[in-house]
Amino acid sequence: MINTLIVPGLDGSAAPHWQHWWAARDPHALTVELSDPHRPVAAVWEVELASMILAHPDCVLVGHSLGAVLISRVLTQWPHLRVAGALLVTPAETAGADRIGHFGPIPEAVLDLPVIVAASRNDPWMSFARAAQLSRAWGADLVDLGFVGHMNAAAGFGPWEEGRQLRNQLLAEAQAPYPAAIASAGLAAAHLGRAPGQAGRDGAERWSDSRGFGGARGAVA
């Protein structure tokens, strides 16, 4: 049974990209084949991703770069689609970008499902501050990956086991009854870390310190 749809970005995610590694290793994951990855057309990609979601409902979407932006566009345009959660890894800024500018502006509405934004401190495609701002707008949890560039093969990343842990967190949150999902998310936040002051979907303020200890603080709305 497919429980994860992997959504590549501009130019695809050929080996040794971590998305290629994930799809090859995980029998429950499937890569979304997007037309003409070197010259993407937003409307075409949106329909292709939506069609895959309809064919594989209740999956977690794992998008990298422009793929993360695509997910935000599809979920905003068709909020009724059955999606268990979304892991948005180092989204790419569309403003001022020649090849992907037509994918903008990036939606900033709350996404009504569990979402994690995994952001880099030195991403050439989007500043950490901008990623944090989008995370707040989407009602997502923010994971600080540190200084990992654009989290791609060029930055030295092939296998990325932490990504699968984040996916597992989203699956657990989607499947657990409320408020058990909140407890699960809090434990995962303590293990994986969150940016200070970041509020998640449950309204609890996420935090982490330099040692990785953390949790949730603040009342649940």
N, C-alpha and C. Protein backbone atom coordinates (compact mmCIF):
# COMPACT_ATOMS: atom_id res chain seq x y z
N MET A 1 0.84 -1.20 0.00
CA MET A 1 0.00 0.00 0.00
C MET A 1 0.88 1.25 0.00
N ILE A 2 0.59 2.18 -0.90
CA ILE A 2 1.34 3.42 -0.98
C ILE A 2 0.86 4.37 0.10
N ASN A 3 1.79 4.87 0.94
CA ASN A 3 1.41 5.86 1.94
C ASN A 3 2.20 7.16 1.82
N THR A 4 3.09 7.24 0.82
CA THR A 4 3.92 8.43 0.63
C THR A 4 4.04 8.75 -0.85
N LEU A 5 3.73 9.98 -1.21
CA LEU A 5 3.95 10.47 -2.56
C LEU A 5 5.10 11.47 -2.54
N ILE A 6 6.15 11.17 -3.27
CA ILE A 6 7.35 12.00 -3.31
C ILE A 6 7.22 12.96 -4.49
N VAL A 7 7.36 14.24 -4.20
CA VAL A 7 7.12 15.28 -5.21
C VAL A 7 8.42 16.03 -5.49
N PRO A 8 9.04 15.76 -6.62
CA PRO A 8 10.32 16.43 -6.95
C PRO A 8 10.10 17.90 -7.30
N GLY A 9 11.23 18.59 -7.42
CA GLY A 9 11.17 19.99 -7.82
C GLY A 9 11.71 20.20 -9.21
N LEU A 10 12.20 21.39 -9.47
CA LEU A 10 12.76 21.76 -10.76
C LEU A 10 13.90 20.81 -11.13
N ASP A 11 13.89 20.32 -12.35
CA ASP A 11 14.91 19.41 -12.89
C ASP A 11 14.84 18.01 -12.31
N GLY A 12 13.83 17.71 -11.51
CA GLY A 12 13.66 16.36 -10.99
C GLY A 12 14.59 16.04 -9.84
N SER A 13 14.57 14.78 -9.45
CA SER A 13 15.37 14.31 -8.29
C SER A 13 16.07 13.01 -8.64
N ALA A 14 16.91 13.08 -9.65
CA ALA A 14 17.66 11.88 -10.07
C ALA A 14 18.69 11.50 -9.02
N ALA A 15 19.17 10.25 -9.10
CA ALA A 15 20.22 9.79 -8.20
C ALA A 15 21.42 10.73 -8.31
N PRO A 16 22.07 11.02 -7.15
CA PRO A 16 21.88 10.44 -5.82
C PRO A 16 21.01 11.29 -4.88
N HIS A 17 20.05 12.00 -5.40
CA HIS A 17 19.17 12.83 -4.58
C HIS A 17 18.47 11.97 -3.54
N TRP A 18 18.23 12.55 -2.35
CA TRP A 18 17.60 11.78 -1.27
C TRP A 18 16.18 11.33 -1.65
N GLN A 19 15.48 12.08 -2.50
CA GLN A 19 14.15 11.62 -2.92
C GLN A 19 14.25 10.36 -3.77
N HIS A 20 15.25 10.27 -4.63
CA HIS A 20 15.47 9.07 -5.44
C HIS A 20 15.80 7.89 -4.53
N TRP A 21 16.67 8.13 -3.56
CA TRP A 21 17.04 7.08 -2.59
C TRP A 21 15.81 6.59 -1.84
N TRP A 22 14.97 7.52 -1.40
CA TRP A 22 13.78 7.18 -0.62
C TRP A 22 12.84 6.31 -1.46
N ALA A 23 12.56 6.74 -2.70
CA ALA A 23 11.63 5.99 -3.56
C ALA A 23 12.15 4.60 -3.87
N ALA A 24 13.47 4.47 -4.03
CA ALA A 24 14.05 3.17 -4.36
C ALA A 24 14.05 2.23 -3.16
N ARG A 25 14.09 2.79 -1.97
CA ARG A 25 14.25 1.99 -0.76
C ARG A 25 12.93 1.66 -0.06
N ASP A 26 11.94 2.52 -0.22
CA ASP A 26 10.69 2.39 0.52
C ASP A 26 9.59 1.85 -0.39
N PRO A 27 9.14 0.62 -0.17
CA PRO A 27 8.10 0.05 -1.04
C PRO A 27 6.75 0.73 -0.91
N HIS A 28 6.59 1.56 0.12
CA HIS A 28 5.33 2.27 0.33
C HIS A 28 5.37 3.69 -0.23
N ALA A 29 6.47 4.04 -0.89
CA ALA A 29 6.62 5.39 -1.44
C ALA A 29 6.62 5.35 -2.96
N LEU A 30 6.08 6.39 -3.56
CA LEU A 30 5.97 6.47 -5.01
C LEU A 30 6.31 7.89 -5.44
N THR A 31 7.17 8.02 -6.45
CA THR A 31 7.51 9.34 -6.96
C THR A 31 6.45 9.81 -7.96
N VAL A 32 6.03 11.04 -7.81
CA VAL A 32 5.08 11.65 -8.74
C VAL A 32 5.85 12.07 -9.99
N GLU A 33 5.48 11.51 -11.12
CA GLU A 33 6.13 11.86 -12.38
C GLU A 33 5.51 13.14 -12.93
N LEU A 34 6.30 14.20 -12.95
CA LEU A 34 5.82 15.50 -13.40
C LEU A 34 6.38 15.82 -14.78
N SER A 35 5.54 16.34 -15.64
CA SER A 35 5.92 16.58 -17.03
C SER A 35 7.01 17.64 -17.15
N ASP A 36 7.96 17.39 -18.04
CA ASP A 36 8.98 18.37 -18.44
C ASP A 36 9.58 19.09 -17.23
N PRO A 37 10.29 18.36 -16.37
CA PRO A 37 10.80 18.97 -15.14
C PRO A 37 11.78 20.12 -15.36
N HIS A 38 12.35 20.24 -16.55
CA HIS A 38 13.29 21.33 -16.82
C HIS A 38 12.56 22.61 -17.25
N ARG A 39 11.32 22.47 -17.71
CA ARG A 39 10.51 23.63 -18.11
C ARG A 39 9.09 23.43 -17.56
N PRO A 40 8.94 23.49 -16.26
CA PRO A 40 7.64 23.14 -15.66
C PRO A 40 6.56 24.18 -15.96
N VAL A 41 5.34 23.68 -16.10
CA VAL A 41 4.16 24.52 -16.26
C VAL A 41 3.29 24.31 -15.03
N ALA A 42 3.02 25.37 -14.30
CA ALA A 42 2.34 25.24 -13.01
C ALA A 42 1.01 24.52 -13.13
N ALA A 43 0.18 24.92 -14.08
CA ALA A 43 -1.16 24.33 -14.20
C ALA A 43 -1.09 22.84 -14.51
N VAL A 44 -0.12 22.44 -15.33
CA VAL A 44 0.04 21.02 -15.67
C VAL A 44 0.50 20.24 -14.45
N TRP A 45 1.49 20.74 -13.76
CA TRP A 45 1.98 20.04 -12.57
C TRP A 45 0.89 19.92 -11.52
N GLU A 46 0.09 20.96 -11.36
CA GLU A 46 -0.98 20.91 -10.35
C GLU A 46 -1.97 19.79 -10.65
N VAL A 47 -2.37 19.66 -11.89
CA VAL A 47 -3.31 18.61 -12.27
C VAL A 47 -2.67 17.24 -12.09
N GLU A 48 -1.40 17.11 -12.45
CA GLU A 48 -0.72 15.81 -12.31
C GLU A 48 -0.61 15.40 -10.85
N LEU A 49 -0.27 16.33 -9.98
CA LEU A 49 -0.18 15.98 -8.56
C LEU A 49 -1.56 15.67 -7.99
N ALA A 50 -2.55 16.48 -8.32
CA ALA A 50 -3.91 16.23 -7.83
C ALA A 50 -4.41 14.86 -8.29
N SER A 51 -4.10 14.48 -9.51
CA SER A 51 -4.52 13.17 -10.03
C SER A 51 -3.88 12.04 -9.23
N MET A 52 -2.61 12.21 -8.87
CA MET A 52 -1.93 11.18 -8.07
C MET A 52 -2.52 11.09 -6.67
N ILE A 53 -2.89 12.22 -6.11
CA ILE A 53 -3.51 12.21 -4.78
C ILE A 53 -4.86 11.48 -4.85
N LEU A 54 -5.62 11.73 -5.90
CA LEU A 54 -6.91 11.04 -6.06
C LEU A 54 -6.71 9.53 -6.22
N ALA A 55 -5.63 9.14 -6.88
CA ALA A 55 -5.35 7.71 -7.07
C ALA A 55 -4.81 7.06 -5.81
N HIS A 56 -4.19 7.85 -4.93
CA HIS A 56 -3.59 7.32 -3.69
C HIS A 56 -4.00 8.21 -2.52
N PRO A 57 -5.27 8.13 -2.11
CA PRO A 57 -5.74 9.01 -1.03
C PRO A 57 -5.09 8.68 0.31
N ASP A 58 -5.08 9.69 1.18
CA ASP A 58 -4.59 9.55 2.56
C ASP A 58 -3.10 9.29 2.63
N CYS A 59 -2.35 9.76 1.65
CA CYS A 59 -0.90 9.66 1.67
C CYS A 59 -0.29 10.91 2.32
N VAL A 60 0.96 10.77 2.73
CA VAL A 60 1.78 11.93 3.09
C VAL A 60 2.50 12.39 1.83
N LEU A 61 2.48 13.69 1.58
CA LEU A 61 3.19 14.27 0.45
C LEU A 61 4.55 14.76 0.92
N VAL A 62 5.59 14.38 0.20
CA VAL A 62 6.96 14.80 0.56
C VAL A 62 7.52 15.59 -0.61
N GLY A 63 7.54 16.91 -0.48
CA GLY A 63 7.98 17.77 -1.56
C GLY A 63 9.29 18.45 -1.25
N HIS A 64 10.14 18.56 -2.27
CA HIS A 64 11.40 19.27 -2.14
C HIS A 64 11.42 20.46 -3.09
N SER A 65 11.89 21.60 -2.60
CA SER A 65 12.13 22.77 -3.43
C SER A 65 10.84 23.22 -4.12
N LEU A 66 10.81 23.25 -5.44
CA LEU A 66 9.59 23.64 -6.14
C LEU A 66 8.46 22.65 -5.89
N GLY A 67 8.80 21.39 -5.61
CA GLY A 67 7.78 20.41 -5.26
C GLY A 67 7.03 20.78 -3.99
N ALA A 68 7.73 21.40 -3.03
CA ALA A 68 7.07 21.86 -1.81
C ALA A 68 6.10 22.99 -2.12
N VAL A 69 6.52 23.89 -2.99
CA VAL A 69 5.64 24.99 -3.40
C VAL A 69 4.42 24.44 -4.14
N LEU A 70 4.66 23.47 -5.01
CA LEU A 70 3.56 22.85 -5.75
C LEU A 70 2.53 22.26 -4.80
N ILE A 71 2.99 21.58 -3.77
CA ILE A 71 2.07 20.99 -2.79
C ILE A 71 1.21 22.08 -2.15
N SER A 72 1.84 23.19 -1.76
CA SER A 72 1.07 24.27 -1.13
C SER A 72 0.02 24.83 -2.09
N ARG A 73 0.34 24.90 -3.37
CA ARG A 73 -0.61 25.39 -4.36
C ARG A 73 -1.78 24.43 -4.53
N VAL A 74 -1.49 23.15 -4.62
CA VAL A 74 -2.54 22.16 -4.83
C VAL A 74 -3.45 22.07 -3.61
N LEU A 75 -2.88 22.05 -2.42
CA LEU A 75 -3.70 21.94 -1.21
C LEU A 75 -4.54 23.19 -0.98
N THR A 76 -4.05 24.33 -1.42
CA THR A 76 -4.82 25.57 -1.31
C THR A 76 -5.95 25.59 -2.33
N GLN A 77 -5.66 25.13 -3.53
CA GLN A 77 -6.65 25.16 -4.60
C GLN A 77 -7.73 24.10 -4.42
N TRP A 78 -7.34 22.92 -3.93
CA TRP A 78 -8.29 21.81 -3.76
C TRP A 78 -8.20 21.27 -2.33
N PRO A 79 -8.69 22.01 -1.35
CA PRO A 79 -8.54 21.60 0.05
C PRO A 79 -9.31 20.32 0.40
N HIS A 80 -10.22 19.90 -0.48
CA HIS A 80 -11.01 18.69 -0.20
C HIS A 80 -10.23 17.41 -0.50
N LEU A 81 -9.07 17.51 -1.15
CA LEU A 81 -8.28 16.32 -1.45
C LEU A 81 -7.88 15.60 -0.16
N ARG A 82 -7.93 14.29 -0.18
CA ARG A 82 -7.63 13.49 1.02
C ARG A 82 -6.12 13.29 1.12
N VAL A 83 -5.50 14.07 2.00
CA VAL A 83 -4.05 14.03 2.22
C VAL A 83 -3.82 13.89 3.72
N ALA A 84 -2.97 12.94 4.11
CA ALA A 84 -2.71 12.71 5.53
C ALA A 84 -1.80 13.77 6.14
N GLY A 85 -0.90 14.31 5.35
CA GLY A 85 0.04 15.30 5.85
C GLY A 85 0.99 15.69 4.74
N ALA A 86 1.82 16.69 5.03
CA ALA A 86 2.77 17.16 4.02
C ALA A 86 4.09 17.52 4.70
N LEU A 87 5.18 17.02 4.12
CA LEU A 87 6.53 17.37 4.54
C LEU A 87 7.12 18.23 3.44
N LEU A 88 7.36 19.50 3.73
CA LEU A 88 7.82 20.46 2.74
C LEU A 88 9.28 20.81 3.05
N VAL A 89 10.17 20.31 2.22
CA VAL A 89 11.61 20.40 2.49
C VAL A 89 12.24 21.50 1.64
N THR A 90 12.89 22.43 2.30
CA THR A 90 13.57 23.57 1.67
C THR A 90 12.80 24.10 0.46
N PRO A 91 11.63 24.72 0.71
CA PRO A 91 10.86 25.29 -0.39
C PRO A 91 11.70 26.32 -1.17
N ALA A 92 11.37 26.49 -2.43
CA ALA A 92 12.08 27.43 -3.29
C ALA A 92 11.26 28.71 -3.44
N GLU A 93 11.91 29.84 -3.28
CA GLU A 93 11.24 31.12 -3.49
C GLU A 93 10.99 31.34 -4.98
N THR A 94 9.77 31.72 -5.30
CA THR A 94 9.41 31.94 -6.70
C THR A 94 9.62 33.38 -7.14
N ALA A 95 9.52 34.32 -6.21
CA ALA A 95 9.62 35.73 -6.55
C ALA A 95 11.02 36.04 -7.11
N GLY A 96 11.05 36.59 -8.30
CA GLY A 96 12.32 36.97 -8.90
C GLY A 96 13.10 35.84 -9.53
N ALA A 97 12.53 34.64 -9.54
CA ALA A 97 13.23 33.47 -10.11
C ALA A 97 12.76 33.27 -11.55
N ASP A 98 13.67 33.33 -12.49
CA ASP A 98 13.31 33.28 -13.91
C ASP A 98 12.57 32.00 -14.28
N ARG A 99 13.06 30.84 -13.80
CA ARG A 99 12.51 29.57 -14.27
C ARG A 99 11.25 29.14 -13.53
N ILE A 100 11.04 29.67 -12.34
CA ILE A 100 9.88 29.21 -11.56
C ILE A 100 9.01 30.36 -11.08
N GLY A 101 9.25 31.56 -11.58
CA GLY A 101 8.47 32.71 -11.12
C GLY A 101 6.98 32.56 -11.35
N HIS A 102 6.61 31.81 -12.40
CA HIS A 102 5.18 31.64 -12.71
C HIS A 102 4.48 30.71 -11.73
N PHE A 103 5.23 30.09 -10.79
CA PHE A 103 4.60 29.30 -9.73
C PHE A 103 4.21 30.19 -8.55
N GLY A 104 4.52 31.48 -8.63
CA GLY A 104 4.18 32.39 -7.56
C GLY A 104 2.92 33.18 -7.86
N PRO A 105 2.44 33.95 -6.88
CA PRO A 105 3.00 34.00 -5.54
C PRO A 105 2.70 32.73 -4.74
N ILE A 106 3.59 32.40 -3.82
CA ILE A 106 3.39 31.21 -2.99
C ILE A 106 2.18 31.43 -2.07
N PRO A 107 1.24 30.49 -2.04
CA PRO A 107 0.07 30.65 -1.16
C PRO A 107 0.49 30.80 0.30
N GLU A 108 -0.28 31.59 1.04
CA GLU A 108 0.02 31.80 2.46
C GLU A 108 -1.20 31.57 3.33
N ALA A 109 -2.11 30.72 2.86
CA ALA A 109 -3.29 30.36 3.64
C ALA A 109 -2.96 29.15 4.52
N VAL A 110 -3.68 29.03 5.63
CA VAL A 110 -3.49 27.88 6.52
C VAL A 110 -3.87 26.60 5.78
N LEU A 111 -3.01 25.60 5.89
CA LEU A 111 -3.27 24.29 5.30
C LEU A 111 -3.87 23.40 6.39
N ASP A 112 -5.08 22.93 6.17
CA ASP A 112 -5.83 22.24 7.23
C ASP A 112 -5.48 20.76 7.29
N LEU A 113 -4.22 20.49 7.60
CA LEU A 113 -3.73 19.13 7.77
C LEU A 113 -2.36 19.23 8.44
N PRO A 114 -1.83 18.13 8.96
CA PRO A 114 -0.50 18.18 9.57
C PRO A 114 0.56 18.51 8.52
N VAL A 115 1.36 19.55 8.78
CA VAL A 115 2.39 19.98 7.85
C VAL A 115 3.68 20.25 8.63
N ILE A 116 4.79 19.81 8.06
CA ILE A 116 6.11 20.13 8.59
C ILE A 116 6.89 20.82 7.50
N VAL A 117 7.49 21.96 7.83
CA VAL A 117 8.42 22.64 6.94
C VAL A 117 9.83 22.41 7.47
N ALA A 118 10.66 21.79 6.66
CA ALA A 118 12.05 21.53 7.03
C ALA A 118 12.92 22.52 6.27
N ALA A 119 13.55 23.46 6.99
CA ALA A 119 14.23 24.58 6.35
C ALA A 119 15.71 24.60 6.69
N SER A 120 16.47 25.18 5.77
CA SER A 120 17.92 25.28 5.90
C SER A 120 18.33 26.70 6.27
N ARG A 121 19.41 26.81 7.01
CA ARG A 121 19.93 28.11 7.42
C ARG A 121 20.72 28.80 6.30
N ASN A 122 21.16 28.06 5.29
CA ASN A 122 21.96 28.66 4.22
C ASN A 122 21.48 28.20 2.84
N ASP A 123 20.17 28.18 2.69
CA ASP A 123 19.56 27.74 1.43
C ASP A 123 19.64 28.87 0.40
N PRO A 124 20.29 28.64 -0.74
CA PRO A 124 20.36 29.70 -1.76
C PRO A 124 19.02 30.01 -2.41
N TRP A 125 18.03 29.12 -2.25
CA TRP A 125 16.73 29.31 -2.88
C TRP A 125 15.70 30.00 -1.99
N MET A 126 15.93 30.00 -0.68
CA MET A 126 15.00 30.68 0.22
C MET A 126 15.67 30.89 1.57
N SER A 127 15.53 32.10 2.11
CA SER A 127 16.10 32.39 3.42
C SER A 127 15.36 31.63 4.51
N PHE A 128 16.05 31.38 5.61
CA PHE A 128 15.40 30.69 6.73
C PHE A 128 14.25 31.52 7.27
N ALA A 129 14.43 32.86 7.31
CA ALA A 129 13.36 33.72 7.81
C ALA A 129 12.11 33.62 6.95
N ARG A 130 12.29 33.54 5.64
CA ARG A 130 11.14 33.42 4.74
C ARG A 130 10.46 32.06 4.91
N ALA A 131 11.26 30.99 5.06
CA ALA A 131 10.69 29.67 5.29
C ALA A 131 9.90 29.64 6.59
N ALA A 132 10.44 30.31 7.63
CA ALA A 132 9.74 30.36 8.91
C ALA A 132 8.43 31.13 8.79
N GLN A 133 8.45 32.20 8.00
CA GLN A 133 7.23 33.00 7.78
C GLN A 133 6.17 32.17 7.07
N LEU A 134 6.57 31.43 6.05
CA LEU A 134 5.62 30.56 5.36
C LEU A 134 5.09 29.47 6.27
N SER A 135 5.97 28.93 7.11
CA SER A 135 5.55 27.89 8.05
C SER A 135 4.45 28.41 8.97
N ARG A 136 4.62 29.63 9.46
CA ARG A 136 3.58 30.22 10.31
C ARG A 136 2.29 30.41 9.53
N ALA A 137 2.41 30.90 8.29
CA ALA A 137 1.21 31.15 7.48
C ALA A 137 0.46 29.85 7.20
N TRP A 138 1.19 28.77 6.99
CA TRP A 138 0.56 27.49 6.68
C TRP A 138 0.06 26.76 7.93
N GLY A 139 0.40 27.25 9.13
CA GLY A 139 0.05 26.55 10.36
C GLY A 139 0.87 25.30 10.55
N ALA A 140 2.11 25.32 10.08
CA ALA A 140 2.97 24.14 10.09
C ALA A 140 3.95 24.16 11.27
N ASP A 141 4.51 23.00 11.56
CA ASP A 141 5.66 22.90 12.45
C ASP A 141 6.91 23.17 11.63
N LEU A 142 7.88 23.84 12.22
CA LEU A 142 9.12 24.19 11.54
C LEU A 142 10.26 23.39 12.12
N VAL A 143 10.99 22.68 11.26
CA VAL A 143 12.18 21.95 11.67
C VAL A 143 13.40 22.67 11.11
N ASP A 144 14.32 23.02 12.00
CA ASP A 144 15.55 23.69 11.61
C ASP A 144 16.59 22.63 11.25
N LEU A 145 16.91 22.50 9.97
CA LEU A 145 17.87 21.49 9.52
C LEU A 145 19.31 21.94 9.71
N GLY A 146 19.51 23.21 10.07
CA GLY A 146 20.87 23.71 10.19
C GLY A 146 21.40 24.18 8.84
N PHE A 147 22.72 24.10 8.67
CA PHE A 147 23.36 24.59 7.45
C PHE A 147 23.52 23.44 6.46
N VAL A 148 22.47 23.21 5.67
CA VAL A 148 22.45 22.07 4.75
C VAL A 148 22.25 22.50 3.30
N GLY A 149 22.49 23.80 3.01
CA GLY A 149 22.30 24.27 1.65
C GLY A 149 20.86 24.08 1.21
N HIS A 150 20.69 23.60 -0.01
CA HIS A 150 19.33 23.37 -0.53
C HIS A 150 18.87 21.94 -0.29
N MET A 151 19.57 21.23 0.57
CA MET A 151 19.20 19.86 0.93
C MET A 151 19.05 18.99 -0.31
N ASN A 152 20.08 19.01 -1.16
CA ASN A 152 20.05 18.23 -2.40
C ASN A 152 21.40 17.58 -2.63
N ALA A 153 21.54 16.92 -3.77
CA ALA A 153 22.79 16.21 -4.06
C ALA A 153 23.96 17.17 -4.15
N ALA A 154 23.71 18.38 -4.68
CA ALA A 154 24.79 19.37 -4.80
C ALA A 154 25.32 19.78 -3.43
N ALA A 155 24.47 19.70 -2.42
CA ALA A 155 24.89 20.02 -1.05
C ALA A 155 25.46 18.81 -0.33
N GLY A 156 25.55 17.68 -1.03
CA GLY A 156 26.16 16.49 -0.46
C GLY A 156 25.19 15.52 0.18
N PHE A 157 23.91 15.64 -0.15
CA PHE A 157 22.91 14.78 0.50
C PHE A 157 22.40 13.72 -0.46
N GLY A 158 22.57 12.47 -0.07
CA GLY A 158 21.94 11.34 -0.72
C GLY A 158 20.89 10.81 0.23
N PRO A 159 21.14 9.66 0.89
CA PRO A 159 20.18 9.14 1.87
C PRO A 159 19.91 10.15 2.99
N TRP A 160 18.65 10.23 3.39
CA TRP A 160 18.23 11.16 4.44
C TRP A 160 17.20 10.47 5.32
N GLU A 161 17.70 9.76 6.32
CA GLU A 161 16.83 8.96 7.17
C GLU A 161 15.93 9.83 8.02
N GLU A 162 16.40 11.01 8.43
CA GLU A 162 15.57 11.88 9.26
C GLU A 162 14.28 12.26 8.53
N GLY A 163 14.35 12.37 7.21
CA GLY A 163 13.15 12.69 6.45
C GLY A 163 12.07 11.63 6.62
N ARG A 164 12.49 10.38 6.64
CA ARG A 164 11.50 9.31 6.84
C ARG A 164 10.94 9.35 8.26
N GLN A 165 11.75 9.76 9.22
CA GLN A 165 11.24 9.91 10.58
C GLN A 165 10.18 11.01 10.64
N LEU A 166 10.43 12.10 9.93
CA LEU A 166 9.44 13.18 9.89
C LEU A 166 8.16 12.71 9.20
N ARG A 167 8.30 11.94 8.13
CA ARG A 167 7.12 11.37 7.47
C ARG A 167 6.34 10.48 8.43
N ASN A 168 7.06 9.66 9.18
CA ASN A 168 6.40 8.78 10.14
C ASN A 168 5.65 9.57 11.20
N GLN A 169 6.21 10.70 11.61
CA GLN A 169 5.52 11.56 12.57
C GLN A 169 4.19 12.05 12.00
N LEU A 170 4.20 12.45 10.73
CA LEU A 170 2.98 12.93 10.10
C LEU A 170 1.94 11.82 9.99
N LEU A 171 2.37 10.61 9.63
CA LEU A 171 1.45 9.49 9.56
C LEU A 171 0.85 9.19 10.93
N ALA A 172 1.68 9.23 11.96
CA ALA A 172 1.19 8.96 13.31
C ALA A 172 0.19 10.02 13.75
N GLU A 173 0.47 11.27 13.41
CA GLU A 173 -0.44 12.35 13.80
C GLU A 173 -1.78 12.23 13.08
N ALA A 174 -1.72 11.83 11.81
CA ALA A 174 -2.96 11.69 11.04
C ALA A 174 -3.80 10.53 11.52
N GLN A 175 -3.16 9.47 11.99
CA GLN A 175 -3.87 8.26 12.38
C GLN A 175 -4.30 8.25 13.84
N ALA A 176 -3.63 9.03 14.68
CA ALA A 176 -3.92 9.01 16.10
C ALA A 176 -5.14 9.86 16.41
N PRO A 177 -5.98 9.42 17.35
CA PRO A 177 -7.13 10.25 17.74
C PRO A 177 -6.66 11.49 18.50
N TYR A 178 -7.34 12.58 18.32
CA TYR A 178 -7.08 13.80 19.08
C TYR A 178 -7.55 13.56 20.52
N PRO A 179 -6.76 13.85 21.59
CA PRO A 179 -5.51 14.58 21.59
C PRO A 179 -4.25 13.71 21.55
N ALA A 180 -4.39 12.40 21.27
CA ALA A 180 -3.19 11.56 21.21
C ALA A 180 -2.23 12.06 20.15
N ALA A 181 -2.77 12.63 19.07
CA ALA A 181 -1.91 13.16 18.01
C ALA A 181 -1.04 14.28 18.54
N ILE A 182 -1.58 15.09 19.47
CA ILE A 182 -0.81 16.19 20.02
C ILE A 182 0.36 15.65 20.83
N ALA A 183 0.11 14.61 21.64
CA ALA A 183 1.18 14.02 22.43
C ALA A 183 2.26 13.45 21.53
N SER A 184 1.85 12.78 20.45
CA SER A 184 2.80 12.22 19.50
C SER A 184 3.64 13.31 18.86
N ALA A 185 2.99 14.40 18.46
CA ALA A 185 3.71 15.50 17.83
C ALA A 185 4.68 16.14 18.82
N GLY A 186 4.26 16.24 20.11
CA GLY A 186 5.15 16.82 21.11
C GLY A 186 6.39 15.99 21.32
N LEU A 187 6.24 14.65 21.35
CA LEU A 187 7.39 13.78 21.52
C LEU A 187 8.32 13.88 20.33
N ALA A 188 7.75 13.94 19.13
CA ALA A 188 8.59 14.05 17.94
C ALA A 188 9.30 15.39 17.92
N ALA A 189 8.62 16.44 18.38
CA ALA A 189 9.26 17.75 18.42
C ALA A 189 10.45 17.73 19.36
N ALA A 190 10.30 17.04 20.50
CA ALA A 190 11.40 16.95 21.44
C ALA A 190 12.58 16.20 20.85
N HIS A 191 12.29 15.19 20.03
CA HIS A 191 13.36 14.38 19.45
C HIS A 191 14.05 15.07 18.28
N LEU A 192 13.23 15.70 17.40
CA LEU A 192 13.77 16.26 16.16
C LEU A 192 14.09 17.74 16.26
N GLY A 193 13.46 18.46 17.22
CA GLY A 193 13.73 19.88 17.37
C GLY A 193 12.77 20.73 16.57
N ARG A 194 12.53 21.92 17.06
CA ARG A 194 11.69 22.90 16.38
C ARG A 194 12.36 24.25 16.52
N ALA A 195 12.02 25.16 15.66
CA ALA A 195 12.51 26.52 15.78
C ALA A 195 11.85 27.18 16.98
N PRO A 196 12.60 27.99 17.76
CA PRO A 196 12.00 28.64 18.92
C PRO A 196 10.79 29.49 18.53
N GLY A 197 9.73 29.36 19.32
CA GLY A 197 8.56 30.19 19.13
C GLY A 197 7.67 29.78 17.98
N GLN A 198 7.89 28.61 17.40
CA GLN A 198 7.07 28.19 16.26
C GLN A 198 5.81 27.49 16.74
N ALA A 199 4.68 27.96 16.30
CA ALA A 199 3.41 27.35 16.67
C ALA A 199 3.00 26.34 15.62
N GLY A 200 2.54 25.19 16.06
CA GLY A 200 2.07 24.15 15.15
C GLY A 200 0.57 24.21 15.00
N ARG A 201 0.01 23.20 14.30
CA ARG A 201 -1.42 23.17 14.03
C ARG A 201 -2.23 23.09 15.31
N ASP A 202 -1.67 22.47 16.37
CA ASP A 202 -2.44 22.30 17.59
C ASP A 202 -2.42 23.56 18.46
N GLY A 203 -1.70 24.60 18.02
CA GLY A 203 -1.66 25.85 18.76
C GLY A 203 -0.61 25.87 19.84
N ALA A 204 0.13 24.77 20.03
CA ALA A 204 1.17 24.73 21.05
C ALA A 204 2.46 25.31 20.48
N GLU A 205 3.15 26.11 21.28
CA GLU A 205 4.39 26.72 20.81
C GLU A 205 5.52 25.71 20.89
N ARG A 206 6.16 25.45 19.74
CA ARG A 206 7.23 24.47 19.68
C ARG A 206 8.56 25.14 19.98
N TRP A 207 9.44 24.43 20.63
CA TRP A 207 10.75 24.99 20.92
C TRP A 207 11.77 23.88 20.98
N SER A 208 13.01 24.24 20.84
CA SER A 208 14.10 23.30 21.04
C SER A 208 15.34 24.07 21.42
N ASP A 209 16.24 23.43 22.15
CA ASP A 209 17.50 24.09 22.46
C ASP A 209 18.62 23.42 21.70
N SER A 210 19.84 23.89 21.92
CA SER A 210 20.97 23.41 21.13
C SER A 210 21.27 21.94 21.37
N ARG A 211 20.77 21.38 22.45
CA ARG A 211 21.01 19.96 22.73
C ARG A 211 19.94 19.06 22.14
N GLY A 212 18.89 19.67 21.56
CA GLY A 212 17.83 18.87 20.97
C GLY A 212 16.69 18.58 21.92
N PHE A 213 16.79 19.08 23.19
CA PHE A 213 15.69 18.86 24.11
C PHE A 213 14.60 19.90 23.81
N GLY A 214 13.35 19.48 23.95
CA GLY A 214 12.29 20.44 23.68
C GLY A 214 10.93 19.81 23.90
N GLY A 215 9.91 20.49 23.46
CA GLY A 215 8.57 20.00 23.62
C GLY A 215 7.56 21.02 23.18
N ALA A 216 6.41 21.02 23.82
CA ALA A 216 5.36 21.97 23.47
C ALA A 216 5.02 22.79 24.69
N ARG A 217 4.82 24.09 24.49
CA ARG A 217 4.40 24.92 25.60
C ARG A 217 3.27 25.81 25.13
N GLY A 218 2.42 26.21 26.04
CA GLY A 218 1.28 27.03 25.66
C GLY A 218 0.01 26.19 25.61
N ALA A 219 -1.10 26.85 25.79
CA ALA A 219 -2.37 26.13 25.82
C ALA A 219 -2.77 25.69 24.45
N VAL A 220 -3.47 24.57 24.41
CA VAL A 220 -4.01 24.08 23.14
C VAL A 220 -5.28 24.86 22.84
N ALA A 221 -5.31 25.46 21.64
CA ALA A 221 -6.48 26.27 21.28
C ALA A 221 -7.67 25.40 20.94
